[in-house]
Amino acid sequence: MPRSKRENRKVKKNDDAGTDVDVDILSDTHTIDSSQTMTSLSSIDLDFENYLGEADQTLEEPESTTSNKHLKTLHEIINLSSDITFEKRSSKRELLLKLLFKSLSQHCYIPEGYELVQSSYETIVSSCLYVIDRNSSSSPAEQYAACRILEVTSICLGSHNDDYCELIDGSLLKVVKATGRSAKVRCAALRAKCCAAFVCGSDESHTQSLLDLCEAVVKNIKFRGEVVPAIFRATALECWALLGTTIPADSIAADDCNYVGCTSSRVTMLNVLKQCLDSKSMTSVDDGRGCDGASLMNLRNTAAMCVVIIHEARLSLGLNADECDHELNITERRFHQGTWEGSDWEEVIDEVTQRISDLSVESSHRISKKAKKQQRSQFREYASMLLENEFPSETIQFRGSSSISLNSWMDIIPLNFLRHCLQGGFQIQLMMNPTLHNVFDVNGSTLSNSSGANLSQLEKRLFMSKTSDAAKKADRDMNRNRRNRMNAKHHFITADCD
């Protein structure tokens, strides 16, 4: 008899009462759009023929018409999501949740869309919490999709929405602490809590409590008699790094004996991060399987990311407000910024730096060539920051000529977190969402009015696609230049024949 799909398997685990219960498994690579086919969405009572075919119907329509269609579709899907609490079929509930996630992330990008989400977010939250709280009758894929919807909803709502954080906090905390839930569901719940606090929250005490929660997940190898999965610990470190960008530098990197005014420094996390970087293997995860190389590499990567966050915060302690406003060269930064020399953590940071440097050149037969190349690239950036105080640089290019350049880990880490959250809607949200403009300190009008932003679908296909006249001309020029280079290279052969 053939085995079932890995994502649909079940294993025996003990619940809080001590009895064996079946636990569904979600693979570590599961996403909200896994195994989703667009044709299967036609079973839902909505005009999906027009919705799914809108890319062909709007080729000759202006951008405003497309935006209005997306707004109408978003309104219909939000109204339809209220039926999740009455739907008995798990497959249909999952499809509704996936479609709601796509609409929120990709179709909610105009002011009217954000107002619609603001006025109806209680309907969205009630449907998601209904799925999350009913662990016995909801599949892990449904629970994962519901957590991802809560995560993207916080981005659509924007800042100063503490009521939203309070509304979802209790249910998500239960999922995070439930050892009987799938590891991917627990990771998604923790990400949703931290994303809501990062975007919507304004209570500093709540942020500190979430940092304590993330530290507890990483420090405790076992919780309620179960080994904490490596992927869950890595997610906790990723959330810790995200929230670490929102607190003052002296709160995350200051040494109490050297810096006055710091009452609760997070620099003690360096010992825990050192242990994560030194991890060789994990004995068990929540589904009974051993930890694979990908989970271990992810744990090490997030640990190194937290180290550079602490290091960058430490460097900023030596700069005053005027020096932070303008760029300094490497020499000026080295002599003006804070340092680890003479502190209680100098030996620990040296050991961590050496370990990260070793991982940047590690060559092991236990991981694939692709994973090895990715690990080296990531840890080289971390080592450059720790050894040479060389800040990273990342540029996000938009259609037209506009772009965003980020030159700090304090900006790049939230960027990667939000990119994972929004998936296919990352570009349009970063270009149109005013909350993200405030997060990354960019001019939203410049991005939304960039060259090509107001073109119709037909004009974009004629001027910006790979089959446009400009692209064909560039291809001809490239072929001509290649031919000229080859002729020049072989000129001595023809010259001898002549």
Protein backbone atom coordinates (compact mmCIF):
# COMPACT_ATOMS: atom_id res chain seq x y z
CA MET A 1 0.00 0.00 0.00
CA PRO A 2 1.54 3.36 -0.97
CA ARG A 3 2.40 5.75 1.82
CA SER A 4 0.43 8.93 2.27
CA LYS A 5 1.89 12.31 1.53
CA ARG A 6 4.36 13.52 4.13
CA GLU A 7 2.21 16.53 4.99
CA ASN A 8 -0.79 14.28 5.73
CA ARG A 9 0.90 11.76 8.01
CA LYS A 10 0.08 11.40 11.70
CA VAL A 11 2.18 10.38 14.69
CA LYS A 12 1.35 9.54 18.29
CA LYS A 13 2.04 12.18 20.94
CA ASN A 14 0.98 12.77 24.52
CA ASP A 15 -1.35 15.64 25.21
CA ASP A 16 -1.53 17.57 28.46
CA ALA A 17 -3.69 14.84 30.01
CA GLY A 18 -1.11 12.13 29.26
CA THR A 19 -3.14 10.26 26.62
CA ASP A 20 -1.95 9.45 23.14
CA VAL A 21 -3.45 11.58 20.39
CA ASP A 22 -2.85 11.73 16.64
CA VAL A 23 -0.89 14.74 15.44
CA ASP A 24 -0.82 15.76 11.80
CA ILE A 25 2.53 16.62 10.27
CA LEU A 26 3.29 19.65 8.15
CA SER A 27 6.60 19.57 6.33
CA ASP A 28 9.18 22.24 7.09
CA THR A 29 8.77 23.56 3.53
CA HIS A 30 4.98 23.92 3.71
CA THR A 31 3.61 27.33 2.69
CA ILE A 32 0.14 28.79 2.49
CA ASP A 33 -0.02 28.22 -1.27
CA SER A 34 1.28 24.63 -1.18
CA SER A 35 -0.57 22.29 -3.56
CA GLN A 36 -3.08 25.04 -4.36
CA THR A 37 -4.68 24.78 -7.78
CA MET A 38 -6.59 27.73 -9.12
CA THR A 39 -9.19 25.51 -10.77
CA SER A 40 -10.22 24.03 -7.43
CA LEU A 41 -11.36 27.47 -6.27
CA SER A 42 -14.32 27.32 -8.64
CA SER A 43 -16.21 25.23 -6.08
CA ILE A 44 -16.75 28.37 -3.96
CA ASP A 45 -19.84 30.45 -4.64
CA LEU A 46 -18.13 33.46 -6.20
CA ASP A 47 -17.67 34.64 -9.75
CA PHE A 48 -14.17 33.20 -10.05
CA GLU A 49 -14.27 32.93 -13.82
CA ASN A 50 -14.09 36.70 -14.07
CA TYR A 51 -11.77 36.94 -11.07
CA LEU A 52 -9.24 34.38 -12.27
CA GLY A 53 -9.38 35.66 -15.83
CA GLU A 54 -8.96 39.32 -14.99
CA ALA A 55 -5.36 39.34 -16.20
CA ASP A 56 -6.60 38.75 -19.75
CA GLN A 57 -9.63 41.02 -19.48
CA THR A 58 -7.75 44.09 -18.23
CA LEU A 59 -5.03 44.24 -20.88
CA GLU A 60 -6.60 47.31 -22.41
CA GLU A 61 -8.08 48.80 -19.24
CA PRO A 62 -6.48 51.56 -17.15
CA GLU A 63 -4.88 50.95 -13.78
CA SER A 64 -7.80 52.46 -11.88
CA THR A 65 -10.20 49.88 -13.31
CA THR A 66 -7.94 47.05 -12.17
CA SER A 67 -7.73 48.56 -8.70
CA ASN A 68 -11.52 48.82 -8.50
CA LYS A 69 -11.89 45.19 -9.52
CA HIS A 70 -9.38 44.14 -6.87
CA LEU A 71 -11.26 46.18 -4.27
CA LYS A 72 -14.57 44.60 -5.25
CA THR A 73 -13.05 41.12 -5.08
CA LEU A 74 -11.52 41.86 -1.68
CA HIS A 75 -14.91 43.00 -0.36
CA GLU A 76 -16.64 39.86 -1.64
CA ILE A 77 -14.01 37.53 -0.20
CA ILE A 78 -14.10 39.19 3.22
CA ASN A 79 -17.87 38.77 3.28
CA LEU A 80 -17.47 35.18 2.15
CA SER A 81 -14.94 34.46 4.92
CA SER A 82 -17.70 34.76 7.51
CA ASP A 83 -19.06 31.43 6.18
CA ILE A 84 -15.95 29.63 7.45
CA THR A 85 -17.57 29.17 10.86
CA PHE A 86 -20.49 27.32 9.22
CA GLU A 87 -18.52 25.28 6.68
CA LYS A 88 -18.12 21.59 7.58
CA ARG A 89 -15.66 20.59 4.86
CA SER A 90 -12.03 21.11 5.82
CA SER A 91 -10.85 21.37 2.21
CA LYS A 92 -13.26 24.20 1.45
CA ARG A 93 -12.30 26.09 4.61
CA GLU A 94 -8.65 25.82 3.62
CA LEU A 95 -9.37 27.16 0.13
CA LEU A 96 -11.29 30.09 1.56
CA LEU A 97 -8.40 30.92 3.88
CA LYS A 98 -5.84 30.73 1.09
CA LEU A 99 -7.94 32.97 -1.11
CA LEU A 100 -8.40 35.46 1.73
CA PHE A 101 -4.63 35.56 2.26
CA LYS A 102 -4.03 36.25 -1.42
CA SER A 103 -6.62 39.02 -1.50
CA LEU A 104 -5.22 40.75 1.58
CA SER A 105 -1.61 40.57 0.45
CA GLN A 106 -1.98 41.31 -3.27
CA HIS A 107 -5.26 43.20 -3.74
CA CYS A 108 -5.38 45.48 -0.70
CA TYR A 109 -3.08 48.29 -1.84
CA ILE A 110 -5.26 51.39 -2.23
CA PRO A 111 -6.62 53.62 0.57
CA GLU A 112 -10.14 52.26 0.08
CA GLY A 113 -8.82 48.74 0.59
CA TYR A 114 -7.08 49.63 3.85
CA GLU A 115 -10.27 51.32 5.05
CA LEU A 116 -12.24 48.21 4.18
CA VAL A 117 -9.89 46.02 6.23
CA GLN A 118 -10.02 48.51 9.11
CA SER A 119 -13.81 48.37 9.20
CA SER A 120 -14.12 44.59 8.86
CA TYR A 121 -11.04 43.15 10.56
CA GLU A 122 -13.19 41.71 13.36
CA THR A 123 -14.86 39.42 10.82
CA ILE A 124 -11.47 38.27 9.57
CA VAL A 125 -10.15 37.68 13.08
CA SER A 126 -13.24 35.78 14.23
CA SER A 127 -13.02 33.41 11.26
CA CYS A 128 -9.29 32.78 11.81
CA LEU A 129 -9.62 32.28 15.56
CA TYR A 130 -12.50 29.86 14.95
CA VAL A 131 -10.13 27.67 12.92
CA ILE A 132 -7.21 28.07 15.34
CA ASP A 133 -9.17 27.28 18.52
CA ARG A 134 -10.81 24.14 17.07
CA ASN A 135 -7.69 21.95 17.05
CA SER A 136 -9.62 18.68 16.99
CA SER A 137 -11.59 19.42 13.80
CA SER A 138 -9.24 21.80 11.96
CA SER A 139 -6.31 20.47 9.96
CA PRO A 140 -2.80 21.87 10.51
CA ALA A 141 -2.91 23.38 7.03
CA GLU A 142 -6.02 25.37 8.01
CA GLN A 143 -4.45 26.55 11.26
CA TYR A 144 -1.27 27.57 9.46
CA ALA A 145 -3.25 29.54 6.86
CA ALA A 146 -5.29 31.27 9.59
CA CYS A 147 -2.11 32.38 11.38
CA ARG A 148 -0.67 33.71 8.15
CA ILE A 149 -3.86 35.72 7.53
CA LEU A 150 -3.59 37.30 10.98
CA GLU A 151 0.01 38.17 10.16
CA VAL A 152 -0.78 39.94 6.90
CA THR A 153 -3.87 41.63 8.37
CA SER A 154 -1.67 43.51 10.82
CA ILE A 155 0.25 45.01 7.89
CA CYS A 156 -2.98 46.13 6.22
CA LEU A 157 -4.24 47.69 9.47
CA GLY A 158 -1.11 49.72 10.16
CA SER A 159 0.22 51.29 13.33
CA HIS A 160 -1.58 52.26 16.56
CA ASN A 161 -3.96 49.29 16.57
CA ASP A 162 -3.36 47.85 20.03
CA ASP A 163 -6.93 46.54 20.10
CA TYR A 164 -6.02 44.15 17.30
CA CYS A 165 -3.01 42.88 19.27
CA GLU A 166 -5.17 42.23 22.32
CA LEU A 167 -7.80 40.49 20.21
CA ILE A 168 -5.45 37.85 18.80
CA ASP A 169 -2.94 37.57 21.64
CA GLY A 170 -4.68 34.99 23.83
CA SER A 171 -5.45 32.38 21.18
CA LEU A 172 -2.05 32.64 19.52
CA LEU A 173 -0.25 32.28 22.85
CA LYS A 174 -2.10 29.01 23.47
CA VAL A 175 -0.95 27.72 20.08
CA VAL A 176 2.66 28.74 20.74
CA LYS A 177 2.69 26.79 24.03
CA ALA A 178 0.77 23.75 22.73
CA THR A 179 3.27 20.94 22.19
CA GLY A 180 0.58 18.87 20.47
CA ARG A 181 0.33 21.31 17.56
CA SER A 182 2.41 21.04 14.41
CA ALA A 183 5.72 22.89 14.56
CA LYS A 184 4.85 24.94 11.47
CA VAL A 185 1.59 26.07 13.08
CA ARG A 186 3.40 27.12 16.25
CA CYS A 187 5.96 29.01 14.17
CA ALA A 188 3.21 30.80 12.23
CA ALA A 189 1.42 31.74 15.47
CA LEU A 190 4.60 33.20 16.97
CA ARG A 191 5.33 35.15 13.79
CA ALA A 192 1.77 36.52 13.76
CA LYS A 193 2.08 37.71 17.38
CA CYS A 194 5.42 39.41 16.78
CA CYS A 195 4.37 40.95 13.45
CA ALA A 196 1.27 42.45 15.07
CA ALA A 197 3.41 43.90 17.88
CA PHE A 198 5.95 45.24 15.37
CA VAL A 199 3.41 46.92 13.07
CA CYS A 200 0.30 47.59 15.16
CA GLY A 201 1.50 47.70 18.75
CA SER A 202 2.68 50.72 20.71
CA ASP A 203 3.01 49.17 24.17
CA GLU A 204 6.67 48.73 25.07
CA SER A 205 5.87 46.34 27.92
CA HIS A 206 4.12 44.03 25.45
CA THR A 207 7.22 44.05 23.24
CA GLN A 208 9.41 43.18 26.21
CA SER A 209 7.11 40.28 27.13
CA LEU A 210 7.35 38.92 23.58
CA LEU A 211 11.14 39.16 23.74
CA ASP A 212 11.03 37.16 26.98
CA LEU A 213 8.82 34.58 25.28
CA CYS A 214 11.21 34.22 22.34
CA GLU A 215 14.18 33.88 24.71
CA ALA A 216 12.35 31.19 26.68
CA VAL A 217 11.69 29.20 23.50
CA VAL A 218 15.36 29.32 22.52
CA LYS A 219 16.83 28.67 25.97
CA ASN A 220 14.63 25.69 26.91
CA ILE A 221 15.67 22.59 24.98
CA LYS A 222 12.62 20.80 26.39
CA PHE A 223 9.16 22.14 27.16
CA ARG A 224 6.48 20.08 28.90
CA GLY A 225 8.57 16.94 28.40
CA GLU A 226 8.95 17.46 24.63
CA VAL A 227 12.07 18.53 22.74
CA VAL A 228 11.58 21.97 21.20
CA PRO A 229 11.86 21.63 17.40
CA ALA A 230 14.84 23.31 15.76
CA ILE A 231 12.59 25.13 13.28
CA PHE A 232 10.58 26.57 16.19
CA ARG A 233 13.73 27.81 17.93
CA ALA A 234 14.93 29.37 14.67
CA THR A 235 11.61 31.16 14.26
CA ALA A 236 11.85 32.45 17.82
CA LEU A 237 15.29 33.89 17.06
CA GLU A 238 13.97 35.50 13.89
CA CYS A 239 11.15 37.13 15.85
CA TRP A 240 13.59 38.20 18.55
CA ALA A 241 15.74 39.93 15.93
CA LEU A 242 12.67 41.66 14.48
CA LEU A 243 11.53 43.02 17.84
CA GLY A 244 15.13 43.87 18.72
CA THR A 245 15.10 46.52 16.00
CA THR A 246 12.32 48.40 17.84
CA ILE A 247 13.93 48.82 21.26
CA PRO A 248 16.73 51.27 22.24
CA ALA A 249 20.32 50.24 21.58
CA ASP A 250 21.27 50.37 25.26
CA SER A 251 18.44 47.94 26.04
CA ILE A 252 19.81 45.30 23.70
CA ALA A 253 23.59 45.72 23.81
CA ALA A 254 24.65 47.88 26.76
CA ASP A 255 26.83 46.60 29.57
CA ASP A 256 25.27 47.60 32.88
CA CYS A 257 28.58 48.36 34.50
CA ASN A 258 29.75 50.61 31.65
CA TYR A 259 26.58 52.32 30.44
CA VAL A 260 24.36 54.29 32.76
CA GLY A 261 20.58 54.11 32.52
CA CYS A 262 20.25 50.56 31.18
CA THR A 263 17.99 48.46 33.41
CA SER A 264 17.30 45.33 31.33
CA SER A 265 19.97 44.60 28.76
CA ARG A 266 19.45 41.72 26.34
CA VAL A 267 23.17 41.24 25.80
CA THR A 268 22.99 38.07 27.92
CA MET A 269 21.51 36.36 24.87
CA LEU A 270 25.07 36.06 23.50
CA ASN A 271 25.64 32.92 25.59
CA VAL A 272 22.49 31.30 24.17
CA LEU A 273 23.38 32.34 20.63
CA LYS A 274 26.84 30.84 21.05
CA GLN A 275 25.26 27.51 21.98
CA CYS A 276 23.01 27.64 18.90
CA LEU A 277 26.00 28.32 16.65
CA ASP A 278 27.90 25.42 18.21
CA SER A 279 24.97 23.00 17.75
CA LYS A 280 26.01 19.91 15.85
CA SER A 281 22.72 17.98 15.72
CA MET A 282 19.29 17.75 17.27
CA THR A 283 17.89 14.50 18.59
CA SER A 284 14.19 15.00 17.98
CA VAL A 285 11.51 17.31 16.72
CA ASP A 286 7.78 17.43 17.27
CA ASP A 287 6.92 14.71 14.76
CA GLY A 288 9.54 12.23 15.91
CA ARG A 289 11.99 12.77 13.04
CA GLY A 290 15.59 13.76 13.47
CA CYS A 291 16.64 17.30 12.67
CA ASP A 292 17.73 17.61 9.06
CA GLY A 293 20.58 19.77 7.80
CA ALA A 294 18.24 22.51 6.59
CA SER A 295 16.71 23.05 10.05
CA LEU A 296 20.12 23.10 11.71
CA MET A 297 21.47 25.57 9.13
CA ASN A 298 18.41 27.77 9.62
CA LEU A 299 18.97 27.76 13.39
CA ARG A 300 22.60 28.78 12.97
CA ASN A 301 21.70 31.47 10.46
CA THR A 302 19.10 33.11 12.70
CA ALA A 303 21.48 32.92 15.67
CA ALA A 304 24.17 34.74 13.69
CA MET A 305 21.57 37.30 12.60
CA CYS A 306 20.78 38.05 16.25
CA VAL A 307 24.48 38.43 16.97
CA VAL A 308 24.92 41.11 14.30
CA ILE A 309 21.83 42.92 15.65
CA ILE A 310 23.44 43.07 19.09
CA HIS A 311 26.76 44.10 17.55
CA GLU A 312 25.22 46.89 15.49
CA ALA A 313 23.37 48.17 18.55
CA ARG A 314 26.64 48.08 20.49
CA LEU A 315 28.38 50.11 17.79
CA SER A 316 25.67 52.76 17.83
CA LEU A 317 26.20 53.34 21.56
CA GLY A 318 29.38 55.28 20.80
CA LEU A 319 27.66 57.68 18.38
CA ASN A 320 25.82 60.80 19.37
CA ALA A 321 22.74 62.10 17.55
CA ASP A 322 24.69 64.36 15.18
CA GLU A 323 27.05 61.58 14.12
CA CYS A 324 24.16 59.22 13.47
CA ASP A 325 22.57 61.67 11.04
CA HIS A 326 25.43 61.63 8.53
CA GLU A 327 27.45 58.80 7.06
CA LEU A 328 30.90 58.04 8.46
CA ASN A 329 33.65 56.10 6.75
CA ILE A 330 35.03 52.88 8.20
CA THR A 331 37.91 54.56 10.05
CA GLU A 332 35.63 57.15 11.65
CA ARG A 333 33.17 54.48 12.70
CA ARG A 334 35.93 52.32 14.19
CA PHE A 335 37.19 55.12 16.44
CA HIS A 336 33.83 56.74 17.26
CA GLN A 337 31.56 53.78 17.86
CA GLY A 338 31.09 51.60 20.90
CA THR A 339 33.41 48.67 21.36
CA TRP A 340 33.51 45.32 23.15
CA GLU A 341 37.04 45.88 24.42
CA GLY A 342 37.29 45.84 28.18
CA SER A 343 33.70 44.64 28.68
CA ASP A 344 32.54 41.42 30.34
CA TRP A 345 31.41 40.09 26.95
CA GLU A 346 34.66 40.57 25.02
CA GLU A 347 35.66 36.91 25.26
CA VAL A 348 32.20 35.66 24.31
CA ILE A 349 31.93 37.95 21.28
CA ASP A 350 35.39 36.86 20.12
CA GLU A 351 34.38 33.20 20.29
CA VAL A 352 31.13 33.88 18.46
CA THR A 353 32.96 35.88 15.78
CA GLN A 354 35.45 33.05 15.28
CA ARG A 355 32.63 30.50 14.99
CA ILE A 356 30.81 32.63 12.38
CA SER A 357 34.08 33.05 10.45
CA ASP A 358 34.53 29.26 10.43
CA LEU A 359 30.99 28.75 9.15
CA SER A 360 31.64 31.21 6.32
CA VAL A 361 34.28 28.84 4.89
CA GLU A 362 32.88 25.52 6.12
CA SER A 363 33.08 22.62 3.69
CA SER A 364 31.06 19.61 4.76
CA HIS A 365 29.85 16.59 2.83
CA ARG A 366 26.72 16.46 4.98
CA ILE A 367 25.02 19.35 3.17
CA SER A 368 24.32 19.87 -0.50
CA LYS A 369 26.39 22.11 -2.74
CA LYS A 370 23.54 24.63 -3.03
CA ALA A 371 23.00 24.80 0.74
CA LYS A 372 26.76 25.08 1.28
CA LYS A 373 26.99 28.01 -1.13
CA GLN A 374 24.06 29.76 0.55
CA GLN A 375 25.53 29.25 4.03
CA ARG A 376 28.90 30.67 3.01
CA SER A 377 27.30 33.71 1.41
CA GLN A 378 25.18 34.49 4.46
CA PHE A 379 27.91 34.00 7.03
CA ARG A 380 30.41 36.05 5.02
CA GLU A 381 28.13 39.05 5.46
CA TYR A 382 27.85 38.39 9.20
CA ALA A 383 31.62 37.97 9.54
CA SER A 384 32.27 41.22 7.65
CA MET A 385 30.01 43.05 10.08
CA LEU A 386 31.67 41.56 13.16
CA LEU A 387 35.27 41.80 12.00
CA GLU A 388 35.38 44.94 9.87
CA ASN A 389 32.19 46.77 10.94
CA GLU A 390 31.16 46.63 7.28
CA PHE A 391 27.44 47.32 7.01
CA PRO A 392 25.35 45.40 4.45
CA SER A 393 23.64 46.92 1.45
CA GLU A 394 20.46 45.77 -0.27
CA THR A 395 18.53 47.47 -3.05
CA ILE A 396 14.89 46.81 -3.94
CA GLN A 397 14.16 47.73 -7.52
CA PHE A 398 10.64 48.71 -8.57
CA ARG A 399 9.13 48.93 -12.01
CA GLY A 400 10.33 52.05 -13.70
CA SER A 401 13.42 53.71 -12.25
CA SER A 402 12.62 53.94 -8.53
CA SER A 403 14.42 51.88 -5.91
CA ILE A 404 15.04 51.61 -2.17
CA SER A 405 18.52 51.14 -0.71
CA LEU A 406 18.95 49.76 2.81
CA ASN A 407 22.33 49.87 4.54
CA SER A 408 21.69 48.53 8.01
CA TRP A 409 20.77 45.22 9.59
CA MET A 410 18.13 47.11 11.54
CA ASP A 411 16.34 47.69 8.21
CA ILE A 412 17.23 44.52 6.32
CA ILE A 413 15.94 42.13 9.01
CA PRO A 414 12.40 43.68 9.04
CA LEU A 415 12.52 43.70 5.24
CA ASN A 416 13.18 39.95 5.06
CA PHE A 417 10.52 39.27 7.70
CA LEU A 418 7.87 41.24 5.79
CA ARG A 419 8.95 39.68 2.50
CA HIS A 420 8.25 36.24 3.96
CA CYS A 421 4.92 37.46 5.33
CA LEU A 422 3.56 39.07 2.16
CA GLN A 423 5.05 36.66 -0.40
CA GLY A 424 3.60 37.62 -3.81
CA GLY A 425 2.19 40.91 -2.52
CA PHE A 426 5.50 42.21 -1.16
CA GLN A 427 6.31 44.58 -4.04
CA ILE A 428 2.88 46.19 -4.33
CA GLN A 429 2.57 46.58 -0.54
CA LEU A 430 6.02 48.10 -0.21
CA MET A 431 5.20 50.52 -2.99
CA MET A 432 1.70 51.54 -1.80
CA ASN A 433 1.40 50.80 1.94
CA PRO A 434 1.98 53.97 4.03
CA THR A 435 2.80 51.90 7.12
CA LEU A 436 5.74 50.24 5.37
CA HIS A 437 6.84 53.64 4.10
CA ASN A 438 7.14 54.78 7.72
CA VAL A 439 8.95 51.59 8.73
CA PHE A 440 11.67 52.01 6.09
CA ASP A 441 11.56 55.83 6.00
CA VAL A 442 10.88 56.18 2.26
CA ASN A 443 8.83 58.63 0.23
CA GLY A 444 5.69 56.79 -0.83
CA SER A 445 4.67 59.34 -3.47
CA THR A 446 7.96 58.82 -5.31
CA LEU A 447 7.44 55.06 -5.45
CA SER A 448 3.75 55.14 -6.43
CA ASN A 449 4.35 57.75 -9.16
CA SER A 450 7.42 56.07 -10.61
CA SER A 451 7.88 55.62 -14.32
CA GLY A 452 5.53 52.94 -15.61
CA ALA A 453 3.28 52.94 -12.54
CA ASN A 454 0.37 54.59 -14.37
CA LEU A 455 0.61 52.59 -17.59
CA SER A 456 -2.16 50.26 -18.64
CA GLN A 457 -1.61 46.53 -18.88
CA LEU A 458 -1.31 46.74 -22.66
CA GLU A 459 1.25 49.56 -22.46
CA LYS A 460 3.30 47.62 -19.93
CA ARG A 461 3.33 44.63 -22.25
CA LEU A 462 4.41 46.78 -25.21
CA PHE A 463 7.10 48.82 -23.46
CA MET A 464 8.30 46.78 -20.45
CA SER A 465 7.96 43.07 -21.35
CA LYS A 466 10.65 40.80 -22.75
CA THR A 467 9.00 40.93 -26.19
CA SER A 468 8.94 44.74 -26.40
CA ASP A 469 10.86 46.68 -29.04
CA ALA A 470 13.39 47.85 -26.47
CA ALA A 471 14.08 44.30 -25.33
CA LYS A 472 14.44 43.10 -28.94
CA LYS A 473 16.86 45.94 -29.71
CA ALA A 474 18.94 45.04 -26.65
CA ASP A 475 19.02 41.41 -27.80
CA ARG A 476 20.20 42.42 -31.28
CA ASP A 477 22.92 44.65 -29.82
CA MET A 478 24.10 41.84 -27.57
CA ASN A 479 24.32 39.41 -30.52
CA ARG A 480 26.21 41.99 -32.58
CA ASN A 481 28.70 42.67 -29.81
CA ARG A 482 29.23 38.96 -29.24
CA ARG A 483 29.86 38.42 -32.95
CA ASN A 484 32.36 41.29 -33.04
CA ARG A 485 34.24 39.89 -30.05
CA MET A 486 34.46 36.45 -31.62
CA ASN A 487 35.67 37.93 -34.91
CA ALA A 488 38.34 39.95 -33.12
CA LYS A 489 39.43 36.91 -31.15
CA HIS A 490 39.87 34.76 -34.26
CA HIS A 491 41.28 37.52 -36.43
CA PHE A 492 44.81 36.04 -36.38
CA ILE A 493 43.51 32.87 -38.06
CA THR A 494 41.95 34.72 -40.99
CA ALA A 495 44.93 37.07 -41.19
CA ASP A 496 47.34 34.12 -41.65
CA CYS A 497 45.14 32.67 -44.38
CA ASP A 498 45.20 35.97 -46.24
